[in-house]
N, C-alpha and C. Protein backbone atom coordinates (compact mmCIF):
# COMPACT_ATOMS: atom_id res chain seq x y z
N MET A 1 -24.90 34.23 -14.74
CA MET A 1 -23.47 33.97 -14.92
C MET A 1 -23.28 32.56 -15.48
N ALA A 2 -22.46 32.43 -16.50
CA ALA A 2 -22.25 31.14 -17.17
C ALA A 2 -21.48 30.17 -16.27
N LEU A 3 -21.83 28.92 -16.41
CA LEU A 3 -21.17 27.86 -15.66
C LEU A 3 -19.82 27.56 -16.32
N GLU A 4 -18.76 27.81 -15.61
CA GLU A 4 -17.40 27.65 -16.14
C GLU A 4 -16.84 26.27 -15.80
N ASN A 5 -15.95 25.80 -16.65
CA ASN A 5 -15.28 24.51 -16.42
C ASN A 5 -14.55 24.48 -15.10
N THR A 6 -13.91 25.59 -14.77
CA THR A 6 -13.15 25.64 -13.51
C THR A 6 -14.07 25.48 -12.30
N ALA A 7 -15.27 26.03 -12.37
CA ALA A 7 -16.22 25.89 -11.26
C ALA A 7 -16.65 24.44 -11.10
N ILE A 8 -16.90 23.77 -12.22
CA ILE A 8 -17.29 22.35 -12.19
C ILE A 8 -16.15 21.54 -11.59
N GLN A 9 -14.94 21.77 -12.09
CA GLN A 9 -13.77 21.03 -11.61
C GLN A 9 -13.54 21.26 -10.12
N GLU A 10 -13.60 22.49 -9.67
CA GLU A 10 -13.36 22.81 -8.25
C GLU A 10 -14.38 22.10 -7.35
N LYS A 11 -15.66 22.15 -7.73
CA LYS A 11 -16.70 21.49 -6.92
C LYS A 11 -16.47 19.98 -6.86
N LEU A 12 -16.12 19.39 -8.00
CA LEU A 12 -15.91 17.95 -8.03
C LEU A 12 -14.69 17.54 -7.21
N VAL A 13 -13.59 18.25 -7.37
CA VAL A 13 -12.37 17.91 -6.64
C VAL A 13 -12.57 18.13 -5.14
N GLU A 14 -13.28 19.20 -4.79
CA GLU A 14 -13.55 19.48 -3.38
C GLU A 14 -14.38 18.37 -2.74
N THR A 15 -15.31 17.81 -3.50
CA THR A 15 -16.22 16.79 -2.96
C THR A 15 -15.66 15.37 -3.10
N PHE A 16 -14.98 15.08 -4.21
CA PHE A 16 -14.57 13.70 -4.48
C PHE A 16 -13.06 13.49 -4.56
N ALA A 17 -12.29 14.52 -4.39
CA ALA A 17 -10.81 14.47 -4.38
C ALA A 17 -10.25 13.66 -5.54
N GLY A 18 -9.56 12.56 -5.25
CA GLY A 18 -8.87 11.78 -6.28
C GLY A 18 -9.76 10.89 -7.14
N ASP A 19 -11.06 10.87 -6.86
CA ASP A 19 -11.96 10.05 -7.67
C ASP A 19 -12.40 10.75 -8.96
N VAL A 20 -12.01 12.00 -9.15
CA VAL A 20 -12.24 12.73 -10.40
C VAL A 20 -10.89 13.31 -10.84
N PHE A 21 -10.54 13.12 -12.10
CA PHE A 21 -9.20 13.51 -12.55
C PHE A 21 -9.16 13.64 -14.06
N ASN A 22 -8.01 14.01 -14.57
CA ASN A 22 -7.77 14.14 -16.01
C ASN A 22 -8.79 15.08 -16.68
N PHE A 23 -8.95 16.25 -16.10
CA PHE A 23 -9.86 17.26 -16.64
C PHE A 23 -9.25 17.87 -17.89
N GLN A 24 -10.07 18.01 -18.94
CA GLN A 24 -9.60 18.64 -20.17
C GLN A 24 -10.78 19.08 -21.03
N GLU A 25 -10.49 20.01 -21.91
CA GLU A 25 -11.48 20.48 -22.88
C GLU A 25 -11.18 19.77 -24.18
N GLU A 26 -12.14 18.97 -24.66
CA GLU A 26 -11.96 18.22 -25.91
C GLU A 26 -13.07 18.59 -26.88
N ARG A 27 -12.69 19.21 -27.98
CA ARG A 27 -13.67 19.59 -29.01
C ARG A 27 -14.86 20.33 -28.41
N ASP A 28 -14.57 21.34 -27.62
CA ASP A 28 -15.58 22.20 -27.00
C ASP A 28 -16.49 21.51 -26.00
N ILE A 29 -16.03 20.39 -25.45
CA ILE A 29 -16.80 19.74 -24.39
C ILE A 29 -15.86 19.44 -23.22
N PHE A 30 -16.27 19.80 -22.02
CA PHE A 30 -15.48 19.58 -20.83
C PHE A 30 -15.54 18.11 -20.48
N SER A 31 -14.38 17.47 -20.37
CA SER A 31 -14.30 16.02 -20.15
C SER A 31 -13.43 15.71 -18.95
N PHE A 32 -13.74 14.62 -18.30
CA PHE A 32 -12.91 14.15 -17.20
C PHE A 32 -13.17 12.68 -16.94
N GLU A 33 -12.28 12.06 -16.17
CA GLU A 33 -12.41 10.66 -15.80
C GLU A 33 -12.84 10.56 -14.35
N ILE A 34 -13.50 9.46 -14.04
CA ILE A 34 -13.91 9.19 -12.66
C ILE A 34 -13.52 7.78 -12.28
N ASN A 35 -13.43 7.56 -10.98
CA ASN A 35 -13.24 6.22 -10.45
C ASN A 35 -14.57 5.49 -10.63
N ALA A 36 -14.56 4.38 -11.34
CA ALA A 36 -15.80 3.66 -11.65
C ALA A 36 -16.55 3.22 -10.40
N LYS A 37 -15.86 3.02 -9.30
CA LYS A 37 -16.52 2.58 -8.07
C LYS A 37 -17.46 3.65 -7.50
N ASN A 38 -17.22 4.92 -7.85
CA ASN A 38 -18.03 6.01 -7.33
C ASN A 38 -18.89 6.68 -8.39
N ASN A 39 -19.19 5.97 -9.46
CA ASN A 39 -19.92 6.60 -10.57
C ASN A 39 -21.29 7.13 -10.14
N THR A 40 -22.03 6.38 -9.34
CA THR A 40 -23.37 6.84 -8.97
C THR A 40 -23.32 8.06 -8.07
N ALA A 41 -22.40 8.10 -7.13
CA ALA A 41 -22.29 9.26 -6.23
C ALA A 41 -21.91 10.52 -7.01
N ILE A 42 -20.98 10.38 -7.94
CA ILE A 42 -20.52 11.54 -8.71
C ILE A 42 -21.62 12.04 -9.63
N ILE A 43 -22.29 11.13 -10.32
CA ILE A 43 -23.35 11.53 -11.25
C ILE A 43 -24.55 12.10 -10.50
N LEU A 44 -24.88 11.54 -9.36
CA LEU A 44 -25.96 12.08 -8.54
C LEU A 44 -25.62 13.49 -8.05
N PHE A 45 -24.37 13.69 -7.67
CA PHE A 45 -23.92 15.02 -7.25
C PHE A 45 -24.06 16.03 -8.39
N LEU A 46 -23.62 15.64 -9.58
CA LEU A 46 -23.73 16.54 -10.74
C LEU A 46 -25.18 16.88 -11.06
N LYS A 47 -26.08 15.95 -10.83
CA LYS A 47 -27.49 16.19 -11.10
C LYS A 47 -28.13 17.07 -10.02
N ASN A 48 -27.84 16.80 -8.76
CA ASN A 48 -28.55 17.44 -7.67
C ASN A 48 -27.93 18.73 -7.15
N ASP A 49 -26.68 19.01 -7.47
CA ASP A 49 -26.06 20.23 -6.98
C ASP A 49 -26.82 21.44 -7.54
N PRO A 50 -27.20 22.41 -6.69
CA PRO A 50 -28.02 23.54 -7.15
C PRO A 50 -27.32 24.46 -8.15
N GLU A 51 -26.00 24.43 -8.23
CA GLU A 51 -25.29 25.24 -9.21
C GLU A 51 -24.98 24.46 -10.49
N LEU A 52 -24.69 23.18 -10.37
CA LEU A 52 -24.29 22.39 -11.53
C LEU A 52 -25.49 21.95 -12.37
N ARG A 53 -26.50 21.37 -11.76
CA ARG A 53 -27.78 21.03 -12.40
C ARG A 53 -27.67 20.28 -13.73
N PHE A 54 -26.87 19.23 -13.78
CA PHE A 54 -26.80 18.38 -14.98
C PHE A 54 -27.95 17.37 -14.90
N HIS A 55 -29.13 17.82 -15.30
CA HIS A 55 -30.36 17.06 -15.13
C HIS A 55 -30.68 16.13 -16.28
N PHE A 56 -29.87 16.15 -17.34
CA PHE A 56 -30.24 15.36 -18.52
C PHE A 56 -29.07 14.47 -18.96
N LEU A 57 -29.32 13.18 -19.03
CA LEU A 57 -28.35 12.22 -19.57
C LEU A 57 -28.57 12.14 -21.07
N THR A 58 -27.67 12.74 -21.83
CA THR A 58 -27.80 12.75 -23.29
C THR A 58 -27.45 11.40 -23.88
N ASP A 59 -26.38 10.78 -23.36
CA ASP A 59 -25.92 9.53 -23.95
C ASP A 59 -25.12 8.76 -22.92
N LEU A 60 -25.12 7.46 -23.09
CA LEU A 60 -24.30 6.54 -22.31
C LEU A 60 -23.87 5.46 -23.29
N CYS A 61 -22.57 5.20 -23.35
CA CYS A 61 -22.10 4.18 -24.30
C CYS A 61 -20.85 3.51 -23.75
N GLY A 62 -20.42 2.49 -24.45
CA GLY A 62 -19.22 1.76 -24.08
C GLY A 62 -18.15 1.88 -25.15
N ILE A 63 -16.91 1.67 -24.73
CA ILE A 63 -15.78 1.65 -25.65
C ILE A 63 -14.87 0.51 -25.22
N HIS A 64 -14.30 -0.18 -26.20
CA HIS A 64 -13.36 -1.27 -25.93
C HIS A 64 -11.97 -0.83 -26.37
N TYR A 65 -11.01 -0.88 -25.44
CA TYR A 65 -9.61 -0.55 -25.71
C TYR A 65 -8.77 -1.81 -25.44
N PRO A 66 -8.71 -2.77 -26.36
CA PRO A 66 -8.03 -4.03 -26.07
C PRO A 66 -6.53 -3.89 -25.85
N ASP A 67 -5.91 -2.81 -26.34
CA ASP A 67 -4.47 -2.63 -26.18
C ASP A 67 -4.10 -1.93 -24.88
N ASN A 68 -5.08 -1.45 -24.14
CA ASN A 68 -4.82 -0.82 -22.84
C ASN A 68 -4.47 -1.87 -21.79
N PRO A 69 -3.89 -1.44 -20.67
CA PRO A 69 -3.69 -2.38 -19.56
C PRO A 69 -5.04 -2.99 -19.14
N ILE A 70 -5.00 -4.16 -18.55
CA ILE A 70 -6.21 -4.93 -18.24
C ILE A 70 -7.23 -4.12 -17.42
N ASP A 71 -6.76 -3.24 -16.53
CA ASP A 71 -7.69 -2.49 -15.69
C ASP A 71 -8.32 -1.28 -16.41
N ARG A 72 -7.96 -1.06 -17.68
CA ARG A 72 -8.52 0.06 -18.46
C ARG A 72 -8.94 -0.38 -19.87
N GLN A 73 -9.38 -1.62 -20.00
CA GLN A 73 -9.72 -2.12 -21.34
C GLN A 73 -11.12 -1.75 -21.80
N PHE A 74 -11.99 -1.39 -20.89
CA PHE A 74 -13.33 -0.94 -21.25
C PHE A 74 -13.58 0.41 -20.60
N ALA A 75 -14.43 1.19 -21.24
CA ALA A 75 -14.85 2.46 -20.65
C ALA A 75 -16.34 2.63 -20.86
N VAL A 76 -16.98 3.21 -19.86
CA VAL A 76 -18.36 3.65 -20.00
C VAL A 76 -18.29 5.17 -20.04
N VAL A 77 -18.94 5.74 -21.05
CA VAL A 77 -18.90 7.19 -21.25
C VAL A 77 -20.30 7.75 -21.04
N TYR A 78 -20.39 8.78 -20.20
CA TYR A 78 -21.64 9.47 -19.93
C TYR A 78 -21.55 10.88 -20.50
N HIS A 79 -22.61 11.32 -21.18
CA HIS A 79 -22.71 12.71 -21.62
C HIS A 79 -23.89 13.33 -20.87
N LEU A 80 -23.60 14.36 -20.08
CA LEU A 80 -24.64 15.04 -19.31
C LEU A 80 -24.82 16.46 -19.84
N HIS A 81 -26.04 16.98 -19.66
CA HIS A 81 -26.36 18.31 -20.19
C HIS A 81 -27.08 19.12 -19.11
N ASN A 82 -26.60 20.34 -18.93
CA ASN A 82 -27.27 21.32 -18.08
C ASN A 82 -28.04 22.24 -19.02
N TRP A 83 -29.35 22.11 -19.06
CA TRP A 83 -30.17 22.90 -19.98
C TRP A 83 -30.23 24.38 -19.59
N TYR A 84 -30.11 24.66 -18.30
CA TYR A 84 -30.19 26.05 -17.84
C TYR A 84 -29.05 26.89 -18.40
N GLU A 85 -27.86 26.32 -18.42
CA GLU A 85 -26.67 27.02 -18.89
C GLU A 85 -26.24 26.55 -20.29
N ASN A 86 -26.94 25.57 -20.83
CA ASN A 86 -26.58 24.93 -22.10
C ASN A 86 -25.12 24.45 -22.06
N LYS A 87 -24.81 23.73 -21.00
CA LYS A 87 -23.45 23.23 -20.78
C LYS A 87 -23.48 21.71 -20.84
N ARG A 88 -22.53 21.15 -21.57
CA ARG A 88 -22.41 19.70 -21.71
C ARG A 88 -21.08 19.23 -21.13
N ILE A 89 -21.10 18.04 -20.55
CA ILE A 89 -19.87 17.44 -20.04
C ILE A 89 -19.82 15.97 -20.47
N ARG A 90 -18.59 15.46 -20.54
CA ARG A 90 -18.36 14.05 -20.86
C ARG A 90 -17.60 13.44 -19.69
N ILE A 91 -18.09 12.29 -19.22
CA ILE A 91 -17.47 11.59 -18.10
C ILE A 91 -17.09 10.20 -18.58
N LYS A 92 -15.86 9.81 -18.30
CA LYS A 92 -15.39 8.49 -18.73
C LYS A 92 -14.95 7.70 -17.49
N ALA A 93 -15.46 6.47 -17.39
CA ALA A 93 -15.08 5.57 -16.30
C ALA A 93 -14.49 4.31 -16.91
N PHE A 94 -13.23 4.02 -16.60
CA PHE A 94 -12.56 2.84 -17.14
C PHE A 94 -12.85 1.61 -16.27
N LEU A 95 -12.96 0.45 -16.96
CA LEU A 95 -13.31 -0.80 -16.29
C LEU A 95 -12.30 -1.89 -16.59
N ASN A 96 -12.27 -2.88 -15.73
CA ASN A 96 -11.38 -4.02 -15.89
C ASN A 96 -11.82 -4.88 -17.09
N GLY A 97 -10.87 -5.31 -17.89
CA GLY A 97 -11.17 -6.09 -19.09
C GLY A 97 -11.63 -7.50 -18.81
N GLU A 98 -11.23 -8.07 -17.69
CA GLU A 98 -11.63 -9.44 -17.37
C GLU A 98 -13.06 -9.52 -16.86
N ASN A 99 -13.48 -8.49 -16.15
CA ASN A 99 -14.83 -8.47 -15.59
C ASN A 99 -15.37 -7.03 -15.65
N PRO A 100 -15.78 -6.57 -16.84
CA PRO A 100 -16.24 -5.18 -16.95
C PRO A 100 -17.60 -4.99 -16.28
N GLU A 101 -17.58 -4.30 -15.14
CA GLU A 101 -18.83 -4.03 -14.45
C GLU A 101 -18.78 -2.68 -13.75
N ILE A 102 -19.96 -2.09 -13.63
CA ILE A 102 -20.11 -0.76 -13.02
C ILE A 102 -21.54 -0.67 -12.51
N LYS A 103 -21.78 0.17 -11.51
CA LYS A 103 -23.13 0.32 -10.97
C LYS A 103 -24.03 1.04 -11.98
N THR A 104 -25.29 0.63 -12.00
CA THR A 104 -26.26 1.25 -12.90
C THR A 104 -26.57 2.68 -12.46
N VAL A 105 -26.88 3.52 -13.43
CA VAL A 105 -27.39 4.87 -13.13
C VAL A 105 -28.84 4.98 -13.58
N SER A 106 -29.47 3.83 -13.88
CA SER A 106 -30.86 3.86 -14.33
C SER A 106 -31.81 4.29 -13.21
N ASN A 107 -31.37 4.23 -11.97
CA ASN A 107 -32.18 4.74 -10.86
C ASN A 107 -32.01 6.26 -10.69
N ILE A 108 -31.01 6.84 -11.36
CA ILE A 108 -30.80 8.29 -11.33
C ILE A 108 -31.43 8.92 -12.57
N PHE A 109 -31.16 8.32 -13.73
CA PHE A 109 -31.74 8.76 -15.00
C PHE A 109 -32.47 7.57 -15.63
N LEU A 110 -33.78 7.67 -15.76
CA LEU A 110 -34.54 6.57 -16.35
C LEU A 110 -34.10 6.27 -17.78
N THR A 111 -33.61 7.28 -18.50
CA THR A 111 -33.17 7.08 -19.88
C THR A 111 -31.96 6.14 -19.96
N ALA A 112 -31.25 5.95 -18.86
CA ALA A 112 -30.08 5.07 -18.86
C ALA A 112 -30.47 3.62 -19.03
N ASN A 113 -31.71 3.27 -18.75
CA ASN A 113 -32.14 1.88 -18.79
C ASN A 113 -31.79 1.22 -20.12
N TRP A 114 -32.27 1.75 -21.21
CA TRP A 114 -32.03 1.12 -22.51
C TRP A 114 -30.60 1.34 -22.98
N MET A 115 -29.99 2.47 -22.63
CA MET A 115 -28.60 2.71 -23.03
C MET A 115 -27.67 1.71 -22.35
N GLU A 116 -27.93 1.39 -21.10
CA GLU A 116 -27.12 0.38 -20.40
C GLU A 116 -27.36 -1.01 -20.99
N ARG A 117 -28.60 -1.29 -21.35
CA ARG A 117 -28.88 -2.59 -21.98
C ARG A 117 -28.15 -2.70 -23.31
N GLU A 118 -28.13 -1.63 -24.08
CA GLU A 118 -27.42 -1.65 -25.36
C GLU A 118 -25.92 -1.84 -25.16
N THR A 119 -25.36 -1.15 -24.16
CA THR A 119 -23.93 -1.28 -23.86
C THR A 119 -23.61 -2.70 -23.39
N TYR A 120 -24.50 -3.29 -22.61
CA TYR A 120 -24.32 -4.68 -22.21
C TYR A 120 -24.38 -5.59 -23.44
N ASP A 121 -25.36 -5.37 -24.29
CA ASP A 121 -25.59 -6.20 -25.46
C ASP A 121 -24.38 -6.20 -26.40
N PHE A 122 -23.78 -5.05 -26.60
CA PHE A 122 -22.69 -4.95 -27.57
C PHE A 122 -21.29 -5.09 -26.98
N PHE A 123 -21.10 -4.76 -25.70
CA PHE A 123 -19.77 -4.81 -25.11
C PHE A 123 -19.64 -5.79 -23.95
N GLY A 124 -20.75 -6.25 -23.39
CA GLY A 124 -20.69 -7.17 -22.27
C GLY A 124 -20.43 -6.51 -20.94
N VAL A 125 -20.68 -5.21 -20.84
CA VAL A 125 -20.50 -4.50 -19.56
C VAL A 125 -21.69 -4.82 -18.66
N ASN A 126 -21.39 -5.32 -17.46
CA ASN A 126 -22.43 -5.67 -16.49
C ASN A 126 -22.75 -4.43 -15.65
N PHE A 127 -23.99 -3.98 -15.71
CA PHE A 127 -24.43 -2.84 -14.92
C PHE A 127 -25.11 -3.36 -13.66
N ILE A 128 -24.37 -3.32 -12.57
CA ILE A 128 -24.83 -3.87 -11.30
C ILE A 128 -26.06 -3.11 -10.81
N GLY A 129 -27.12 -3.84 -10.49
CA GLY A 129 -28.35 -3.25 -9.98
C GLY A 129 -29.34 -2.84 -11.06
N HIS A 130 -29.00 -3.10 -12.32
CA HIS A 130 -29.93 -2.76 -13.40
C HIS A 130 -31.19 -3.62 -13.26
N PRO A 131 -32.39 -3.03 -13.46
CA PRO A 131 -33.62 -3.78 -13.22
C PRO A 131 -33.92 -4.89 -14.23
N GLN A 132 -33.35 -4.82 -15.43
CA GLN A 132 -33.63 -5.86 -16.43
C GLN A 132 -32.48 -5.91 -17.45
N LEU A 133 -31.31 -6.26 -17.00
CA LEU A 133 -30.14 -6.28 -17.87
C LEU A 133 -30.15 -7.53 -18.74
N LYS A 134 -30.61 -7.36 -19.97
CA LYS A 134 -30.61 -8.45 -20.95
C LYS A 134 -30.43 -7.83 -22.32
N ARG A 135 -30.16 -8.66 -23.29
CA ARG A 135 -29.93 -8.17 -24.65
C ARG A 135 -31.14 -7.40 -25.15
N ILE A 136 -30.85 -6.36 -25.93
CA ILE A 136 -31.92 -5.50 -26.41
C ILE A 136 -32.03 -5.53 -27.93
N LEU A 137 -30.93 -5.76 -28.64
CA LEU A 137 -30.95 -5.76 -30.11
C LEU A 137 -30.51 -7.09 -30.71
N ASN A 138 -29.62 -7.79 -30.06
CA ASN A 138 -29.13 -9.07 -30.56
C ASN A 138 -29.96 -10.22 -29.98
N MET A 139 -29.78 -11.39 -30.56
CA MET A 139 -30.50 -12.58 -30.10
C MET A 139 -30.02 -12.97 -28.70
N ASP A 140 -30.94 -13.45 -27.90
CA ASP A 140 -30.59 -13.89 -26.54
C ASP A 140 -29.56 -15.02 -26.55
N GLU A 141 -29.54 -15.82 -27.62
CA GLU A 141 -28.64 -16.97 -27.71
C GLU A 141 -27.20 -16.58 -28.01
N MET A 142 -26.96 -15.35 -28.37
CA MET A 142 -25.59 -14.92 -28.70
C MET A 142 -24.68 -15.06 -27.49
N VAL A 143 -23.48 -15.55 -27.72
CA VAL A 143 -22.53 -15.72 -26.63
C VAL A 143 -21.40 -14.69 -26.69
N SER A 144 -21.35 -13.92 -27.78
CA SER A 144 -20.29 -12.92 -27.93
C SER A 144 -20.90 -11.52 -27.87
N PHE A 145 -20.01 -10.55 -27.85
CA PHE A 145 -20.42 -9.15 -27.80
C PHE A 145 -19.83 -8.46 -29.01
N PRO A 146 -20.64 -8.13 -30.01
CA PRO A 146 -20.15 -7.76 -31.34
C PRO A 146 -19.37 -6.45 -31.46
N MET A 147 -19.41 -5.57 -30.49
CA MET A 147 -18.64 -4.33 -30.60
C MET A 147 -17.26 -4.44 -29.97
N ARG A 148 -16.96 -5.57 -29.38
CA ARG A 148 -15.61 -5.79 -28.87
C ARG A 148 -14.68 -5.97 -30.05
N LYS A 149 -13.47 -5.52 -29.92
CA LYS A 149 -12.53 -5.53 -31.03
C LYS A 149 -12.15 -6.94 -31.47
N GLU A 150 -12.26 -7.93 -30.59
CA GLU A 150 -11.90 -9.29 -31.00
C GLU A 150 -13.02 -9.95 -31.81
N PHE A 151 -14.18 -9.33 -31.86
CA PHE A 151 -15.29 -9.88 -32.64
C PHE A 151 -14.98 -9.69 -34.12
N PRO A 152 -15.04 -10.75 -34.93
CA PRO A 152 -14.69 -10.61 -36.35
C PRO A 152 -15.68 -9.71 -37.09
N MET A 153 -15.15 -8.92 -38.03
CA MET A 153 -15.98 -8.01 -38.79
C MET A 153 -16.99 -8.75 -39.65
N GLU A 154 -16.62 -9.90 -40.16
CA GLU A 154 -17.54 -10.68 -40.99
C GLU A 154 -17.12 -12.14 -40.96
N ASP A 155 -17.97 -12.97 -41.44
CA ASP A 155 -17.73 -14.41 -41.48
C ASP A 155 -16.74 -14.72 -42.60
N GLY A 156 -15.59 -15.27 -42.24
CA GLY A 156 -14.56 -15.60 -43.22
C GLY A 156 -14.95 -16.71 -44.17
N GLY A 157 -15.97 -17.47 -43.84
CA GLY A 157 -16.39 -18.56 -44.69
C GLY A 157 -17.47 -18.21 -45.70
N ARG A 158 -17.79 -16.93 -45.80
CA ARG A 158 -18.85 -16.53 -46.73
C ARG A 158 -18.44 -16.78 -48.17
N THR A 159 -19.36 -17.32 -48.94
CA THR A 159 -19.11 -17.58 -50.36
C THR A 159 -20.10 -16.82 -51.24
N ASP A 160 -20.95 -16.01 -50.65
CA ASP A 160 -22.01 -15.33 -51.41
C ASP A 160 -21.60 -13.96 -51.93
N LYS A 161 -20.32 -13.62 -51.84
CA LYS A 161 -19.90 -12.32 -52.36
C LYS A 161 -18.48 -12.43 -52.92
N ASP A 162 -18.14 -11.50 -53.73
CA ASP A 162 -16.82 -11.44 -54.34
C ASP A 162 -16.17 -10.15 -53.86
N ASP A 163 -15.10 -10.25 -53.08
CA ASP A 163 -14.44 -9.09 -52.50
C ASP A 163 -13.99 -8.06 -53.53
N ARG A 164 -13.75 -8.48 -54.75
CA ARG A 164 -13.33 -7.52 -55.78
C ARG A 164 -14.36 -6.42 -55.98
N PHE A 165 -15.62 -6.74 -55.77
CA PHE A 165 -16.69 -5.75 -55.98
C PHE A 165 -16.80 -4.77 -54.81
N PHE A 166 -16.10 -5.03 -53.74
CA PHE A 166 -16.16 -4.16 -52.57
C PHE A 166 -14.84 -3.44 -52.33
N GLY A 167 -13.93 -3.49 -53.32
CA GLY A 167 -12.65 -2.79 -53.21
C GLY A 167 -11.70 -3.37 -52.20
N ARG A 168 -11.80 -4.66 -51.94
CA ARG A 168 -10.98 -5.28 -50.90
C ARG A 168 -9.78 -6.01 -51.44
N THR A 169 -9.60 -6.04 -52.75
CA THR A 169 -8.42 -6.68 -53.31
C THR A 169 -7.76 -5.70 -54.28
N ILE A 170 -6.46 -5.85 -54.43
CA ILE A 170 -5.70 -4.99 -55.35
C ILE A 170 -5.45 -5.77 -56.62
N ASP A 171 -5.86 -5.19 -57.72
CA ASP A 171 -5.66 -5.83 -59.01
C ASP A 171 -4.24 -5.52 -59.49
N ASN A 172 -3.47 -6.53 -59.78
CA ASN A 172 -2.07 -6.35 -60.16
C ASN A 172 -1.89 -6.14 -61.68
N CYS A 173 -2.93 -5.89 -62.39
CA CYS A 173 -2.81 -5.70 -63.85
C CYS A 173 -2.15 -4.39 -64.19
């Protein structure tokens, strides 16, 4: 019998009540939000439940929403996969913009280790309890997080290119 969205939702609400919410189907993937404080308990439940069996972390990434209220300016998104039923889910946990932090899931899924490091490197999300949270792609000396929306797209002082060749100016001729 196929694993239905309603079964997933019922089990989660029964176990975690108000810490799981905003259930919806988006582009053929079942999505919902969780309380960031309970991310490890919820993800561990999804992995270990004998009916749900979401044993594979496909992806973990960050998103910056600078126009959101301060308590929802960052999000960590988890994509989990149940190979037995070929069912995928998306979980979104919103974080505070002043101090974006969430507990690590690298002790639940070893693959989360580098994904959390990448999210830290580009967004500045602190994964509490991560075994080696440091930059993975950028220089250690960097003080900014380049995927945040306030990070400039390019250096305004560059003189080695002409914007006309990149379609960035309108010719008034």
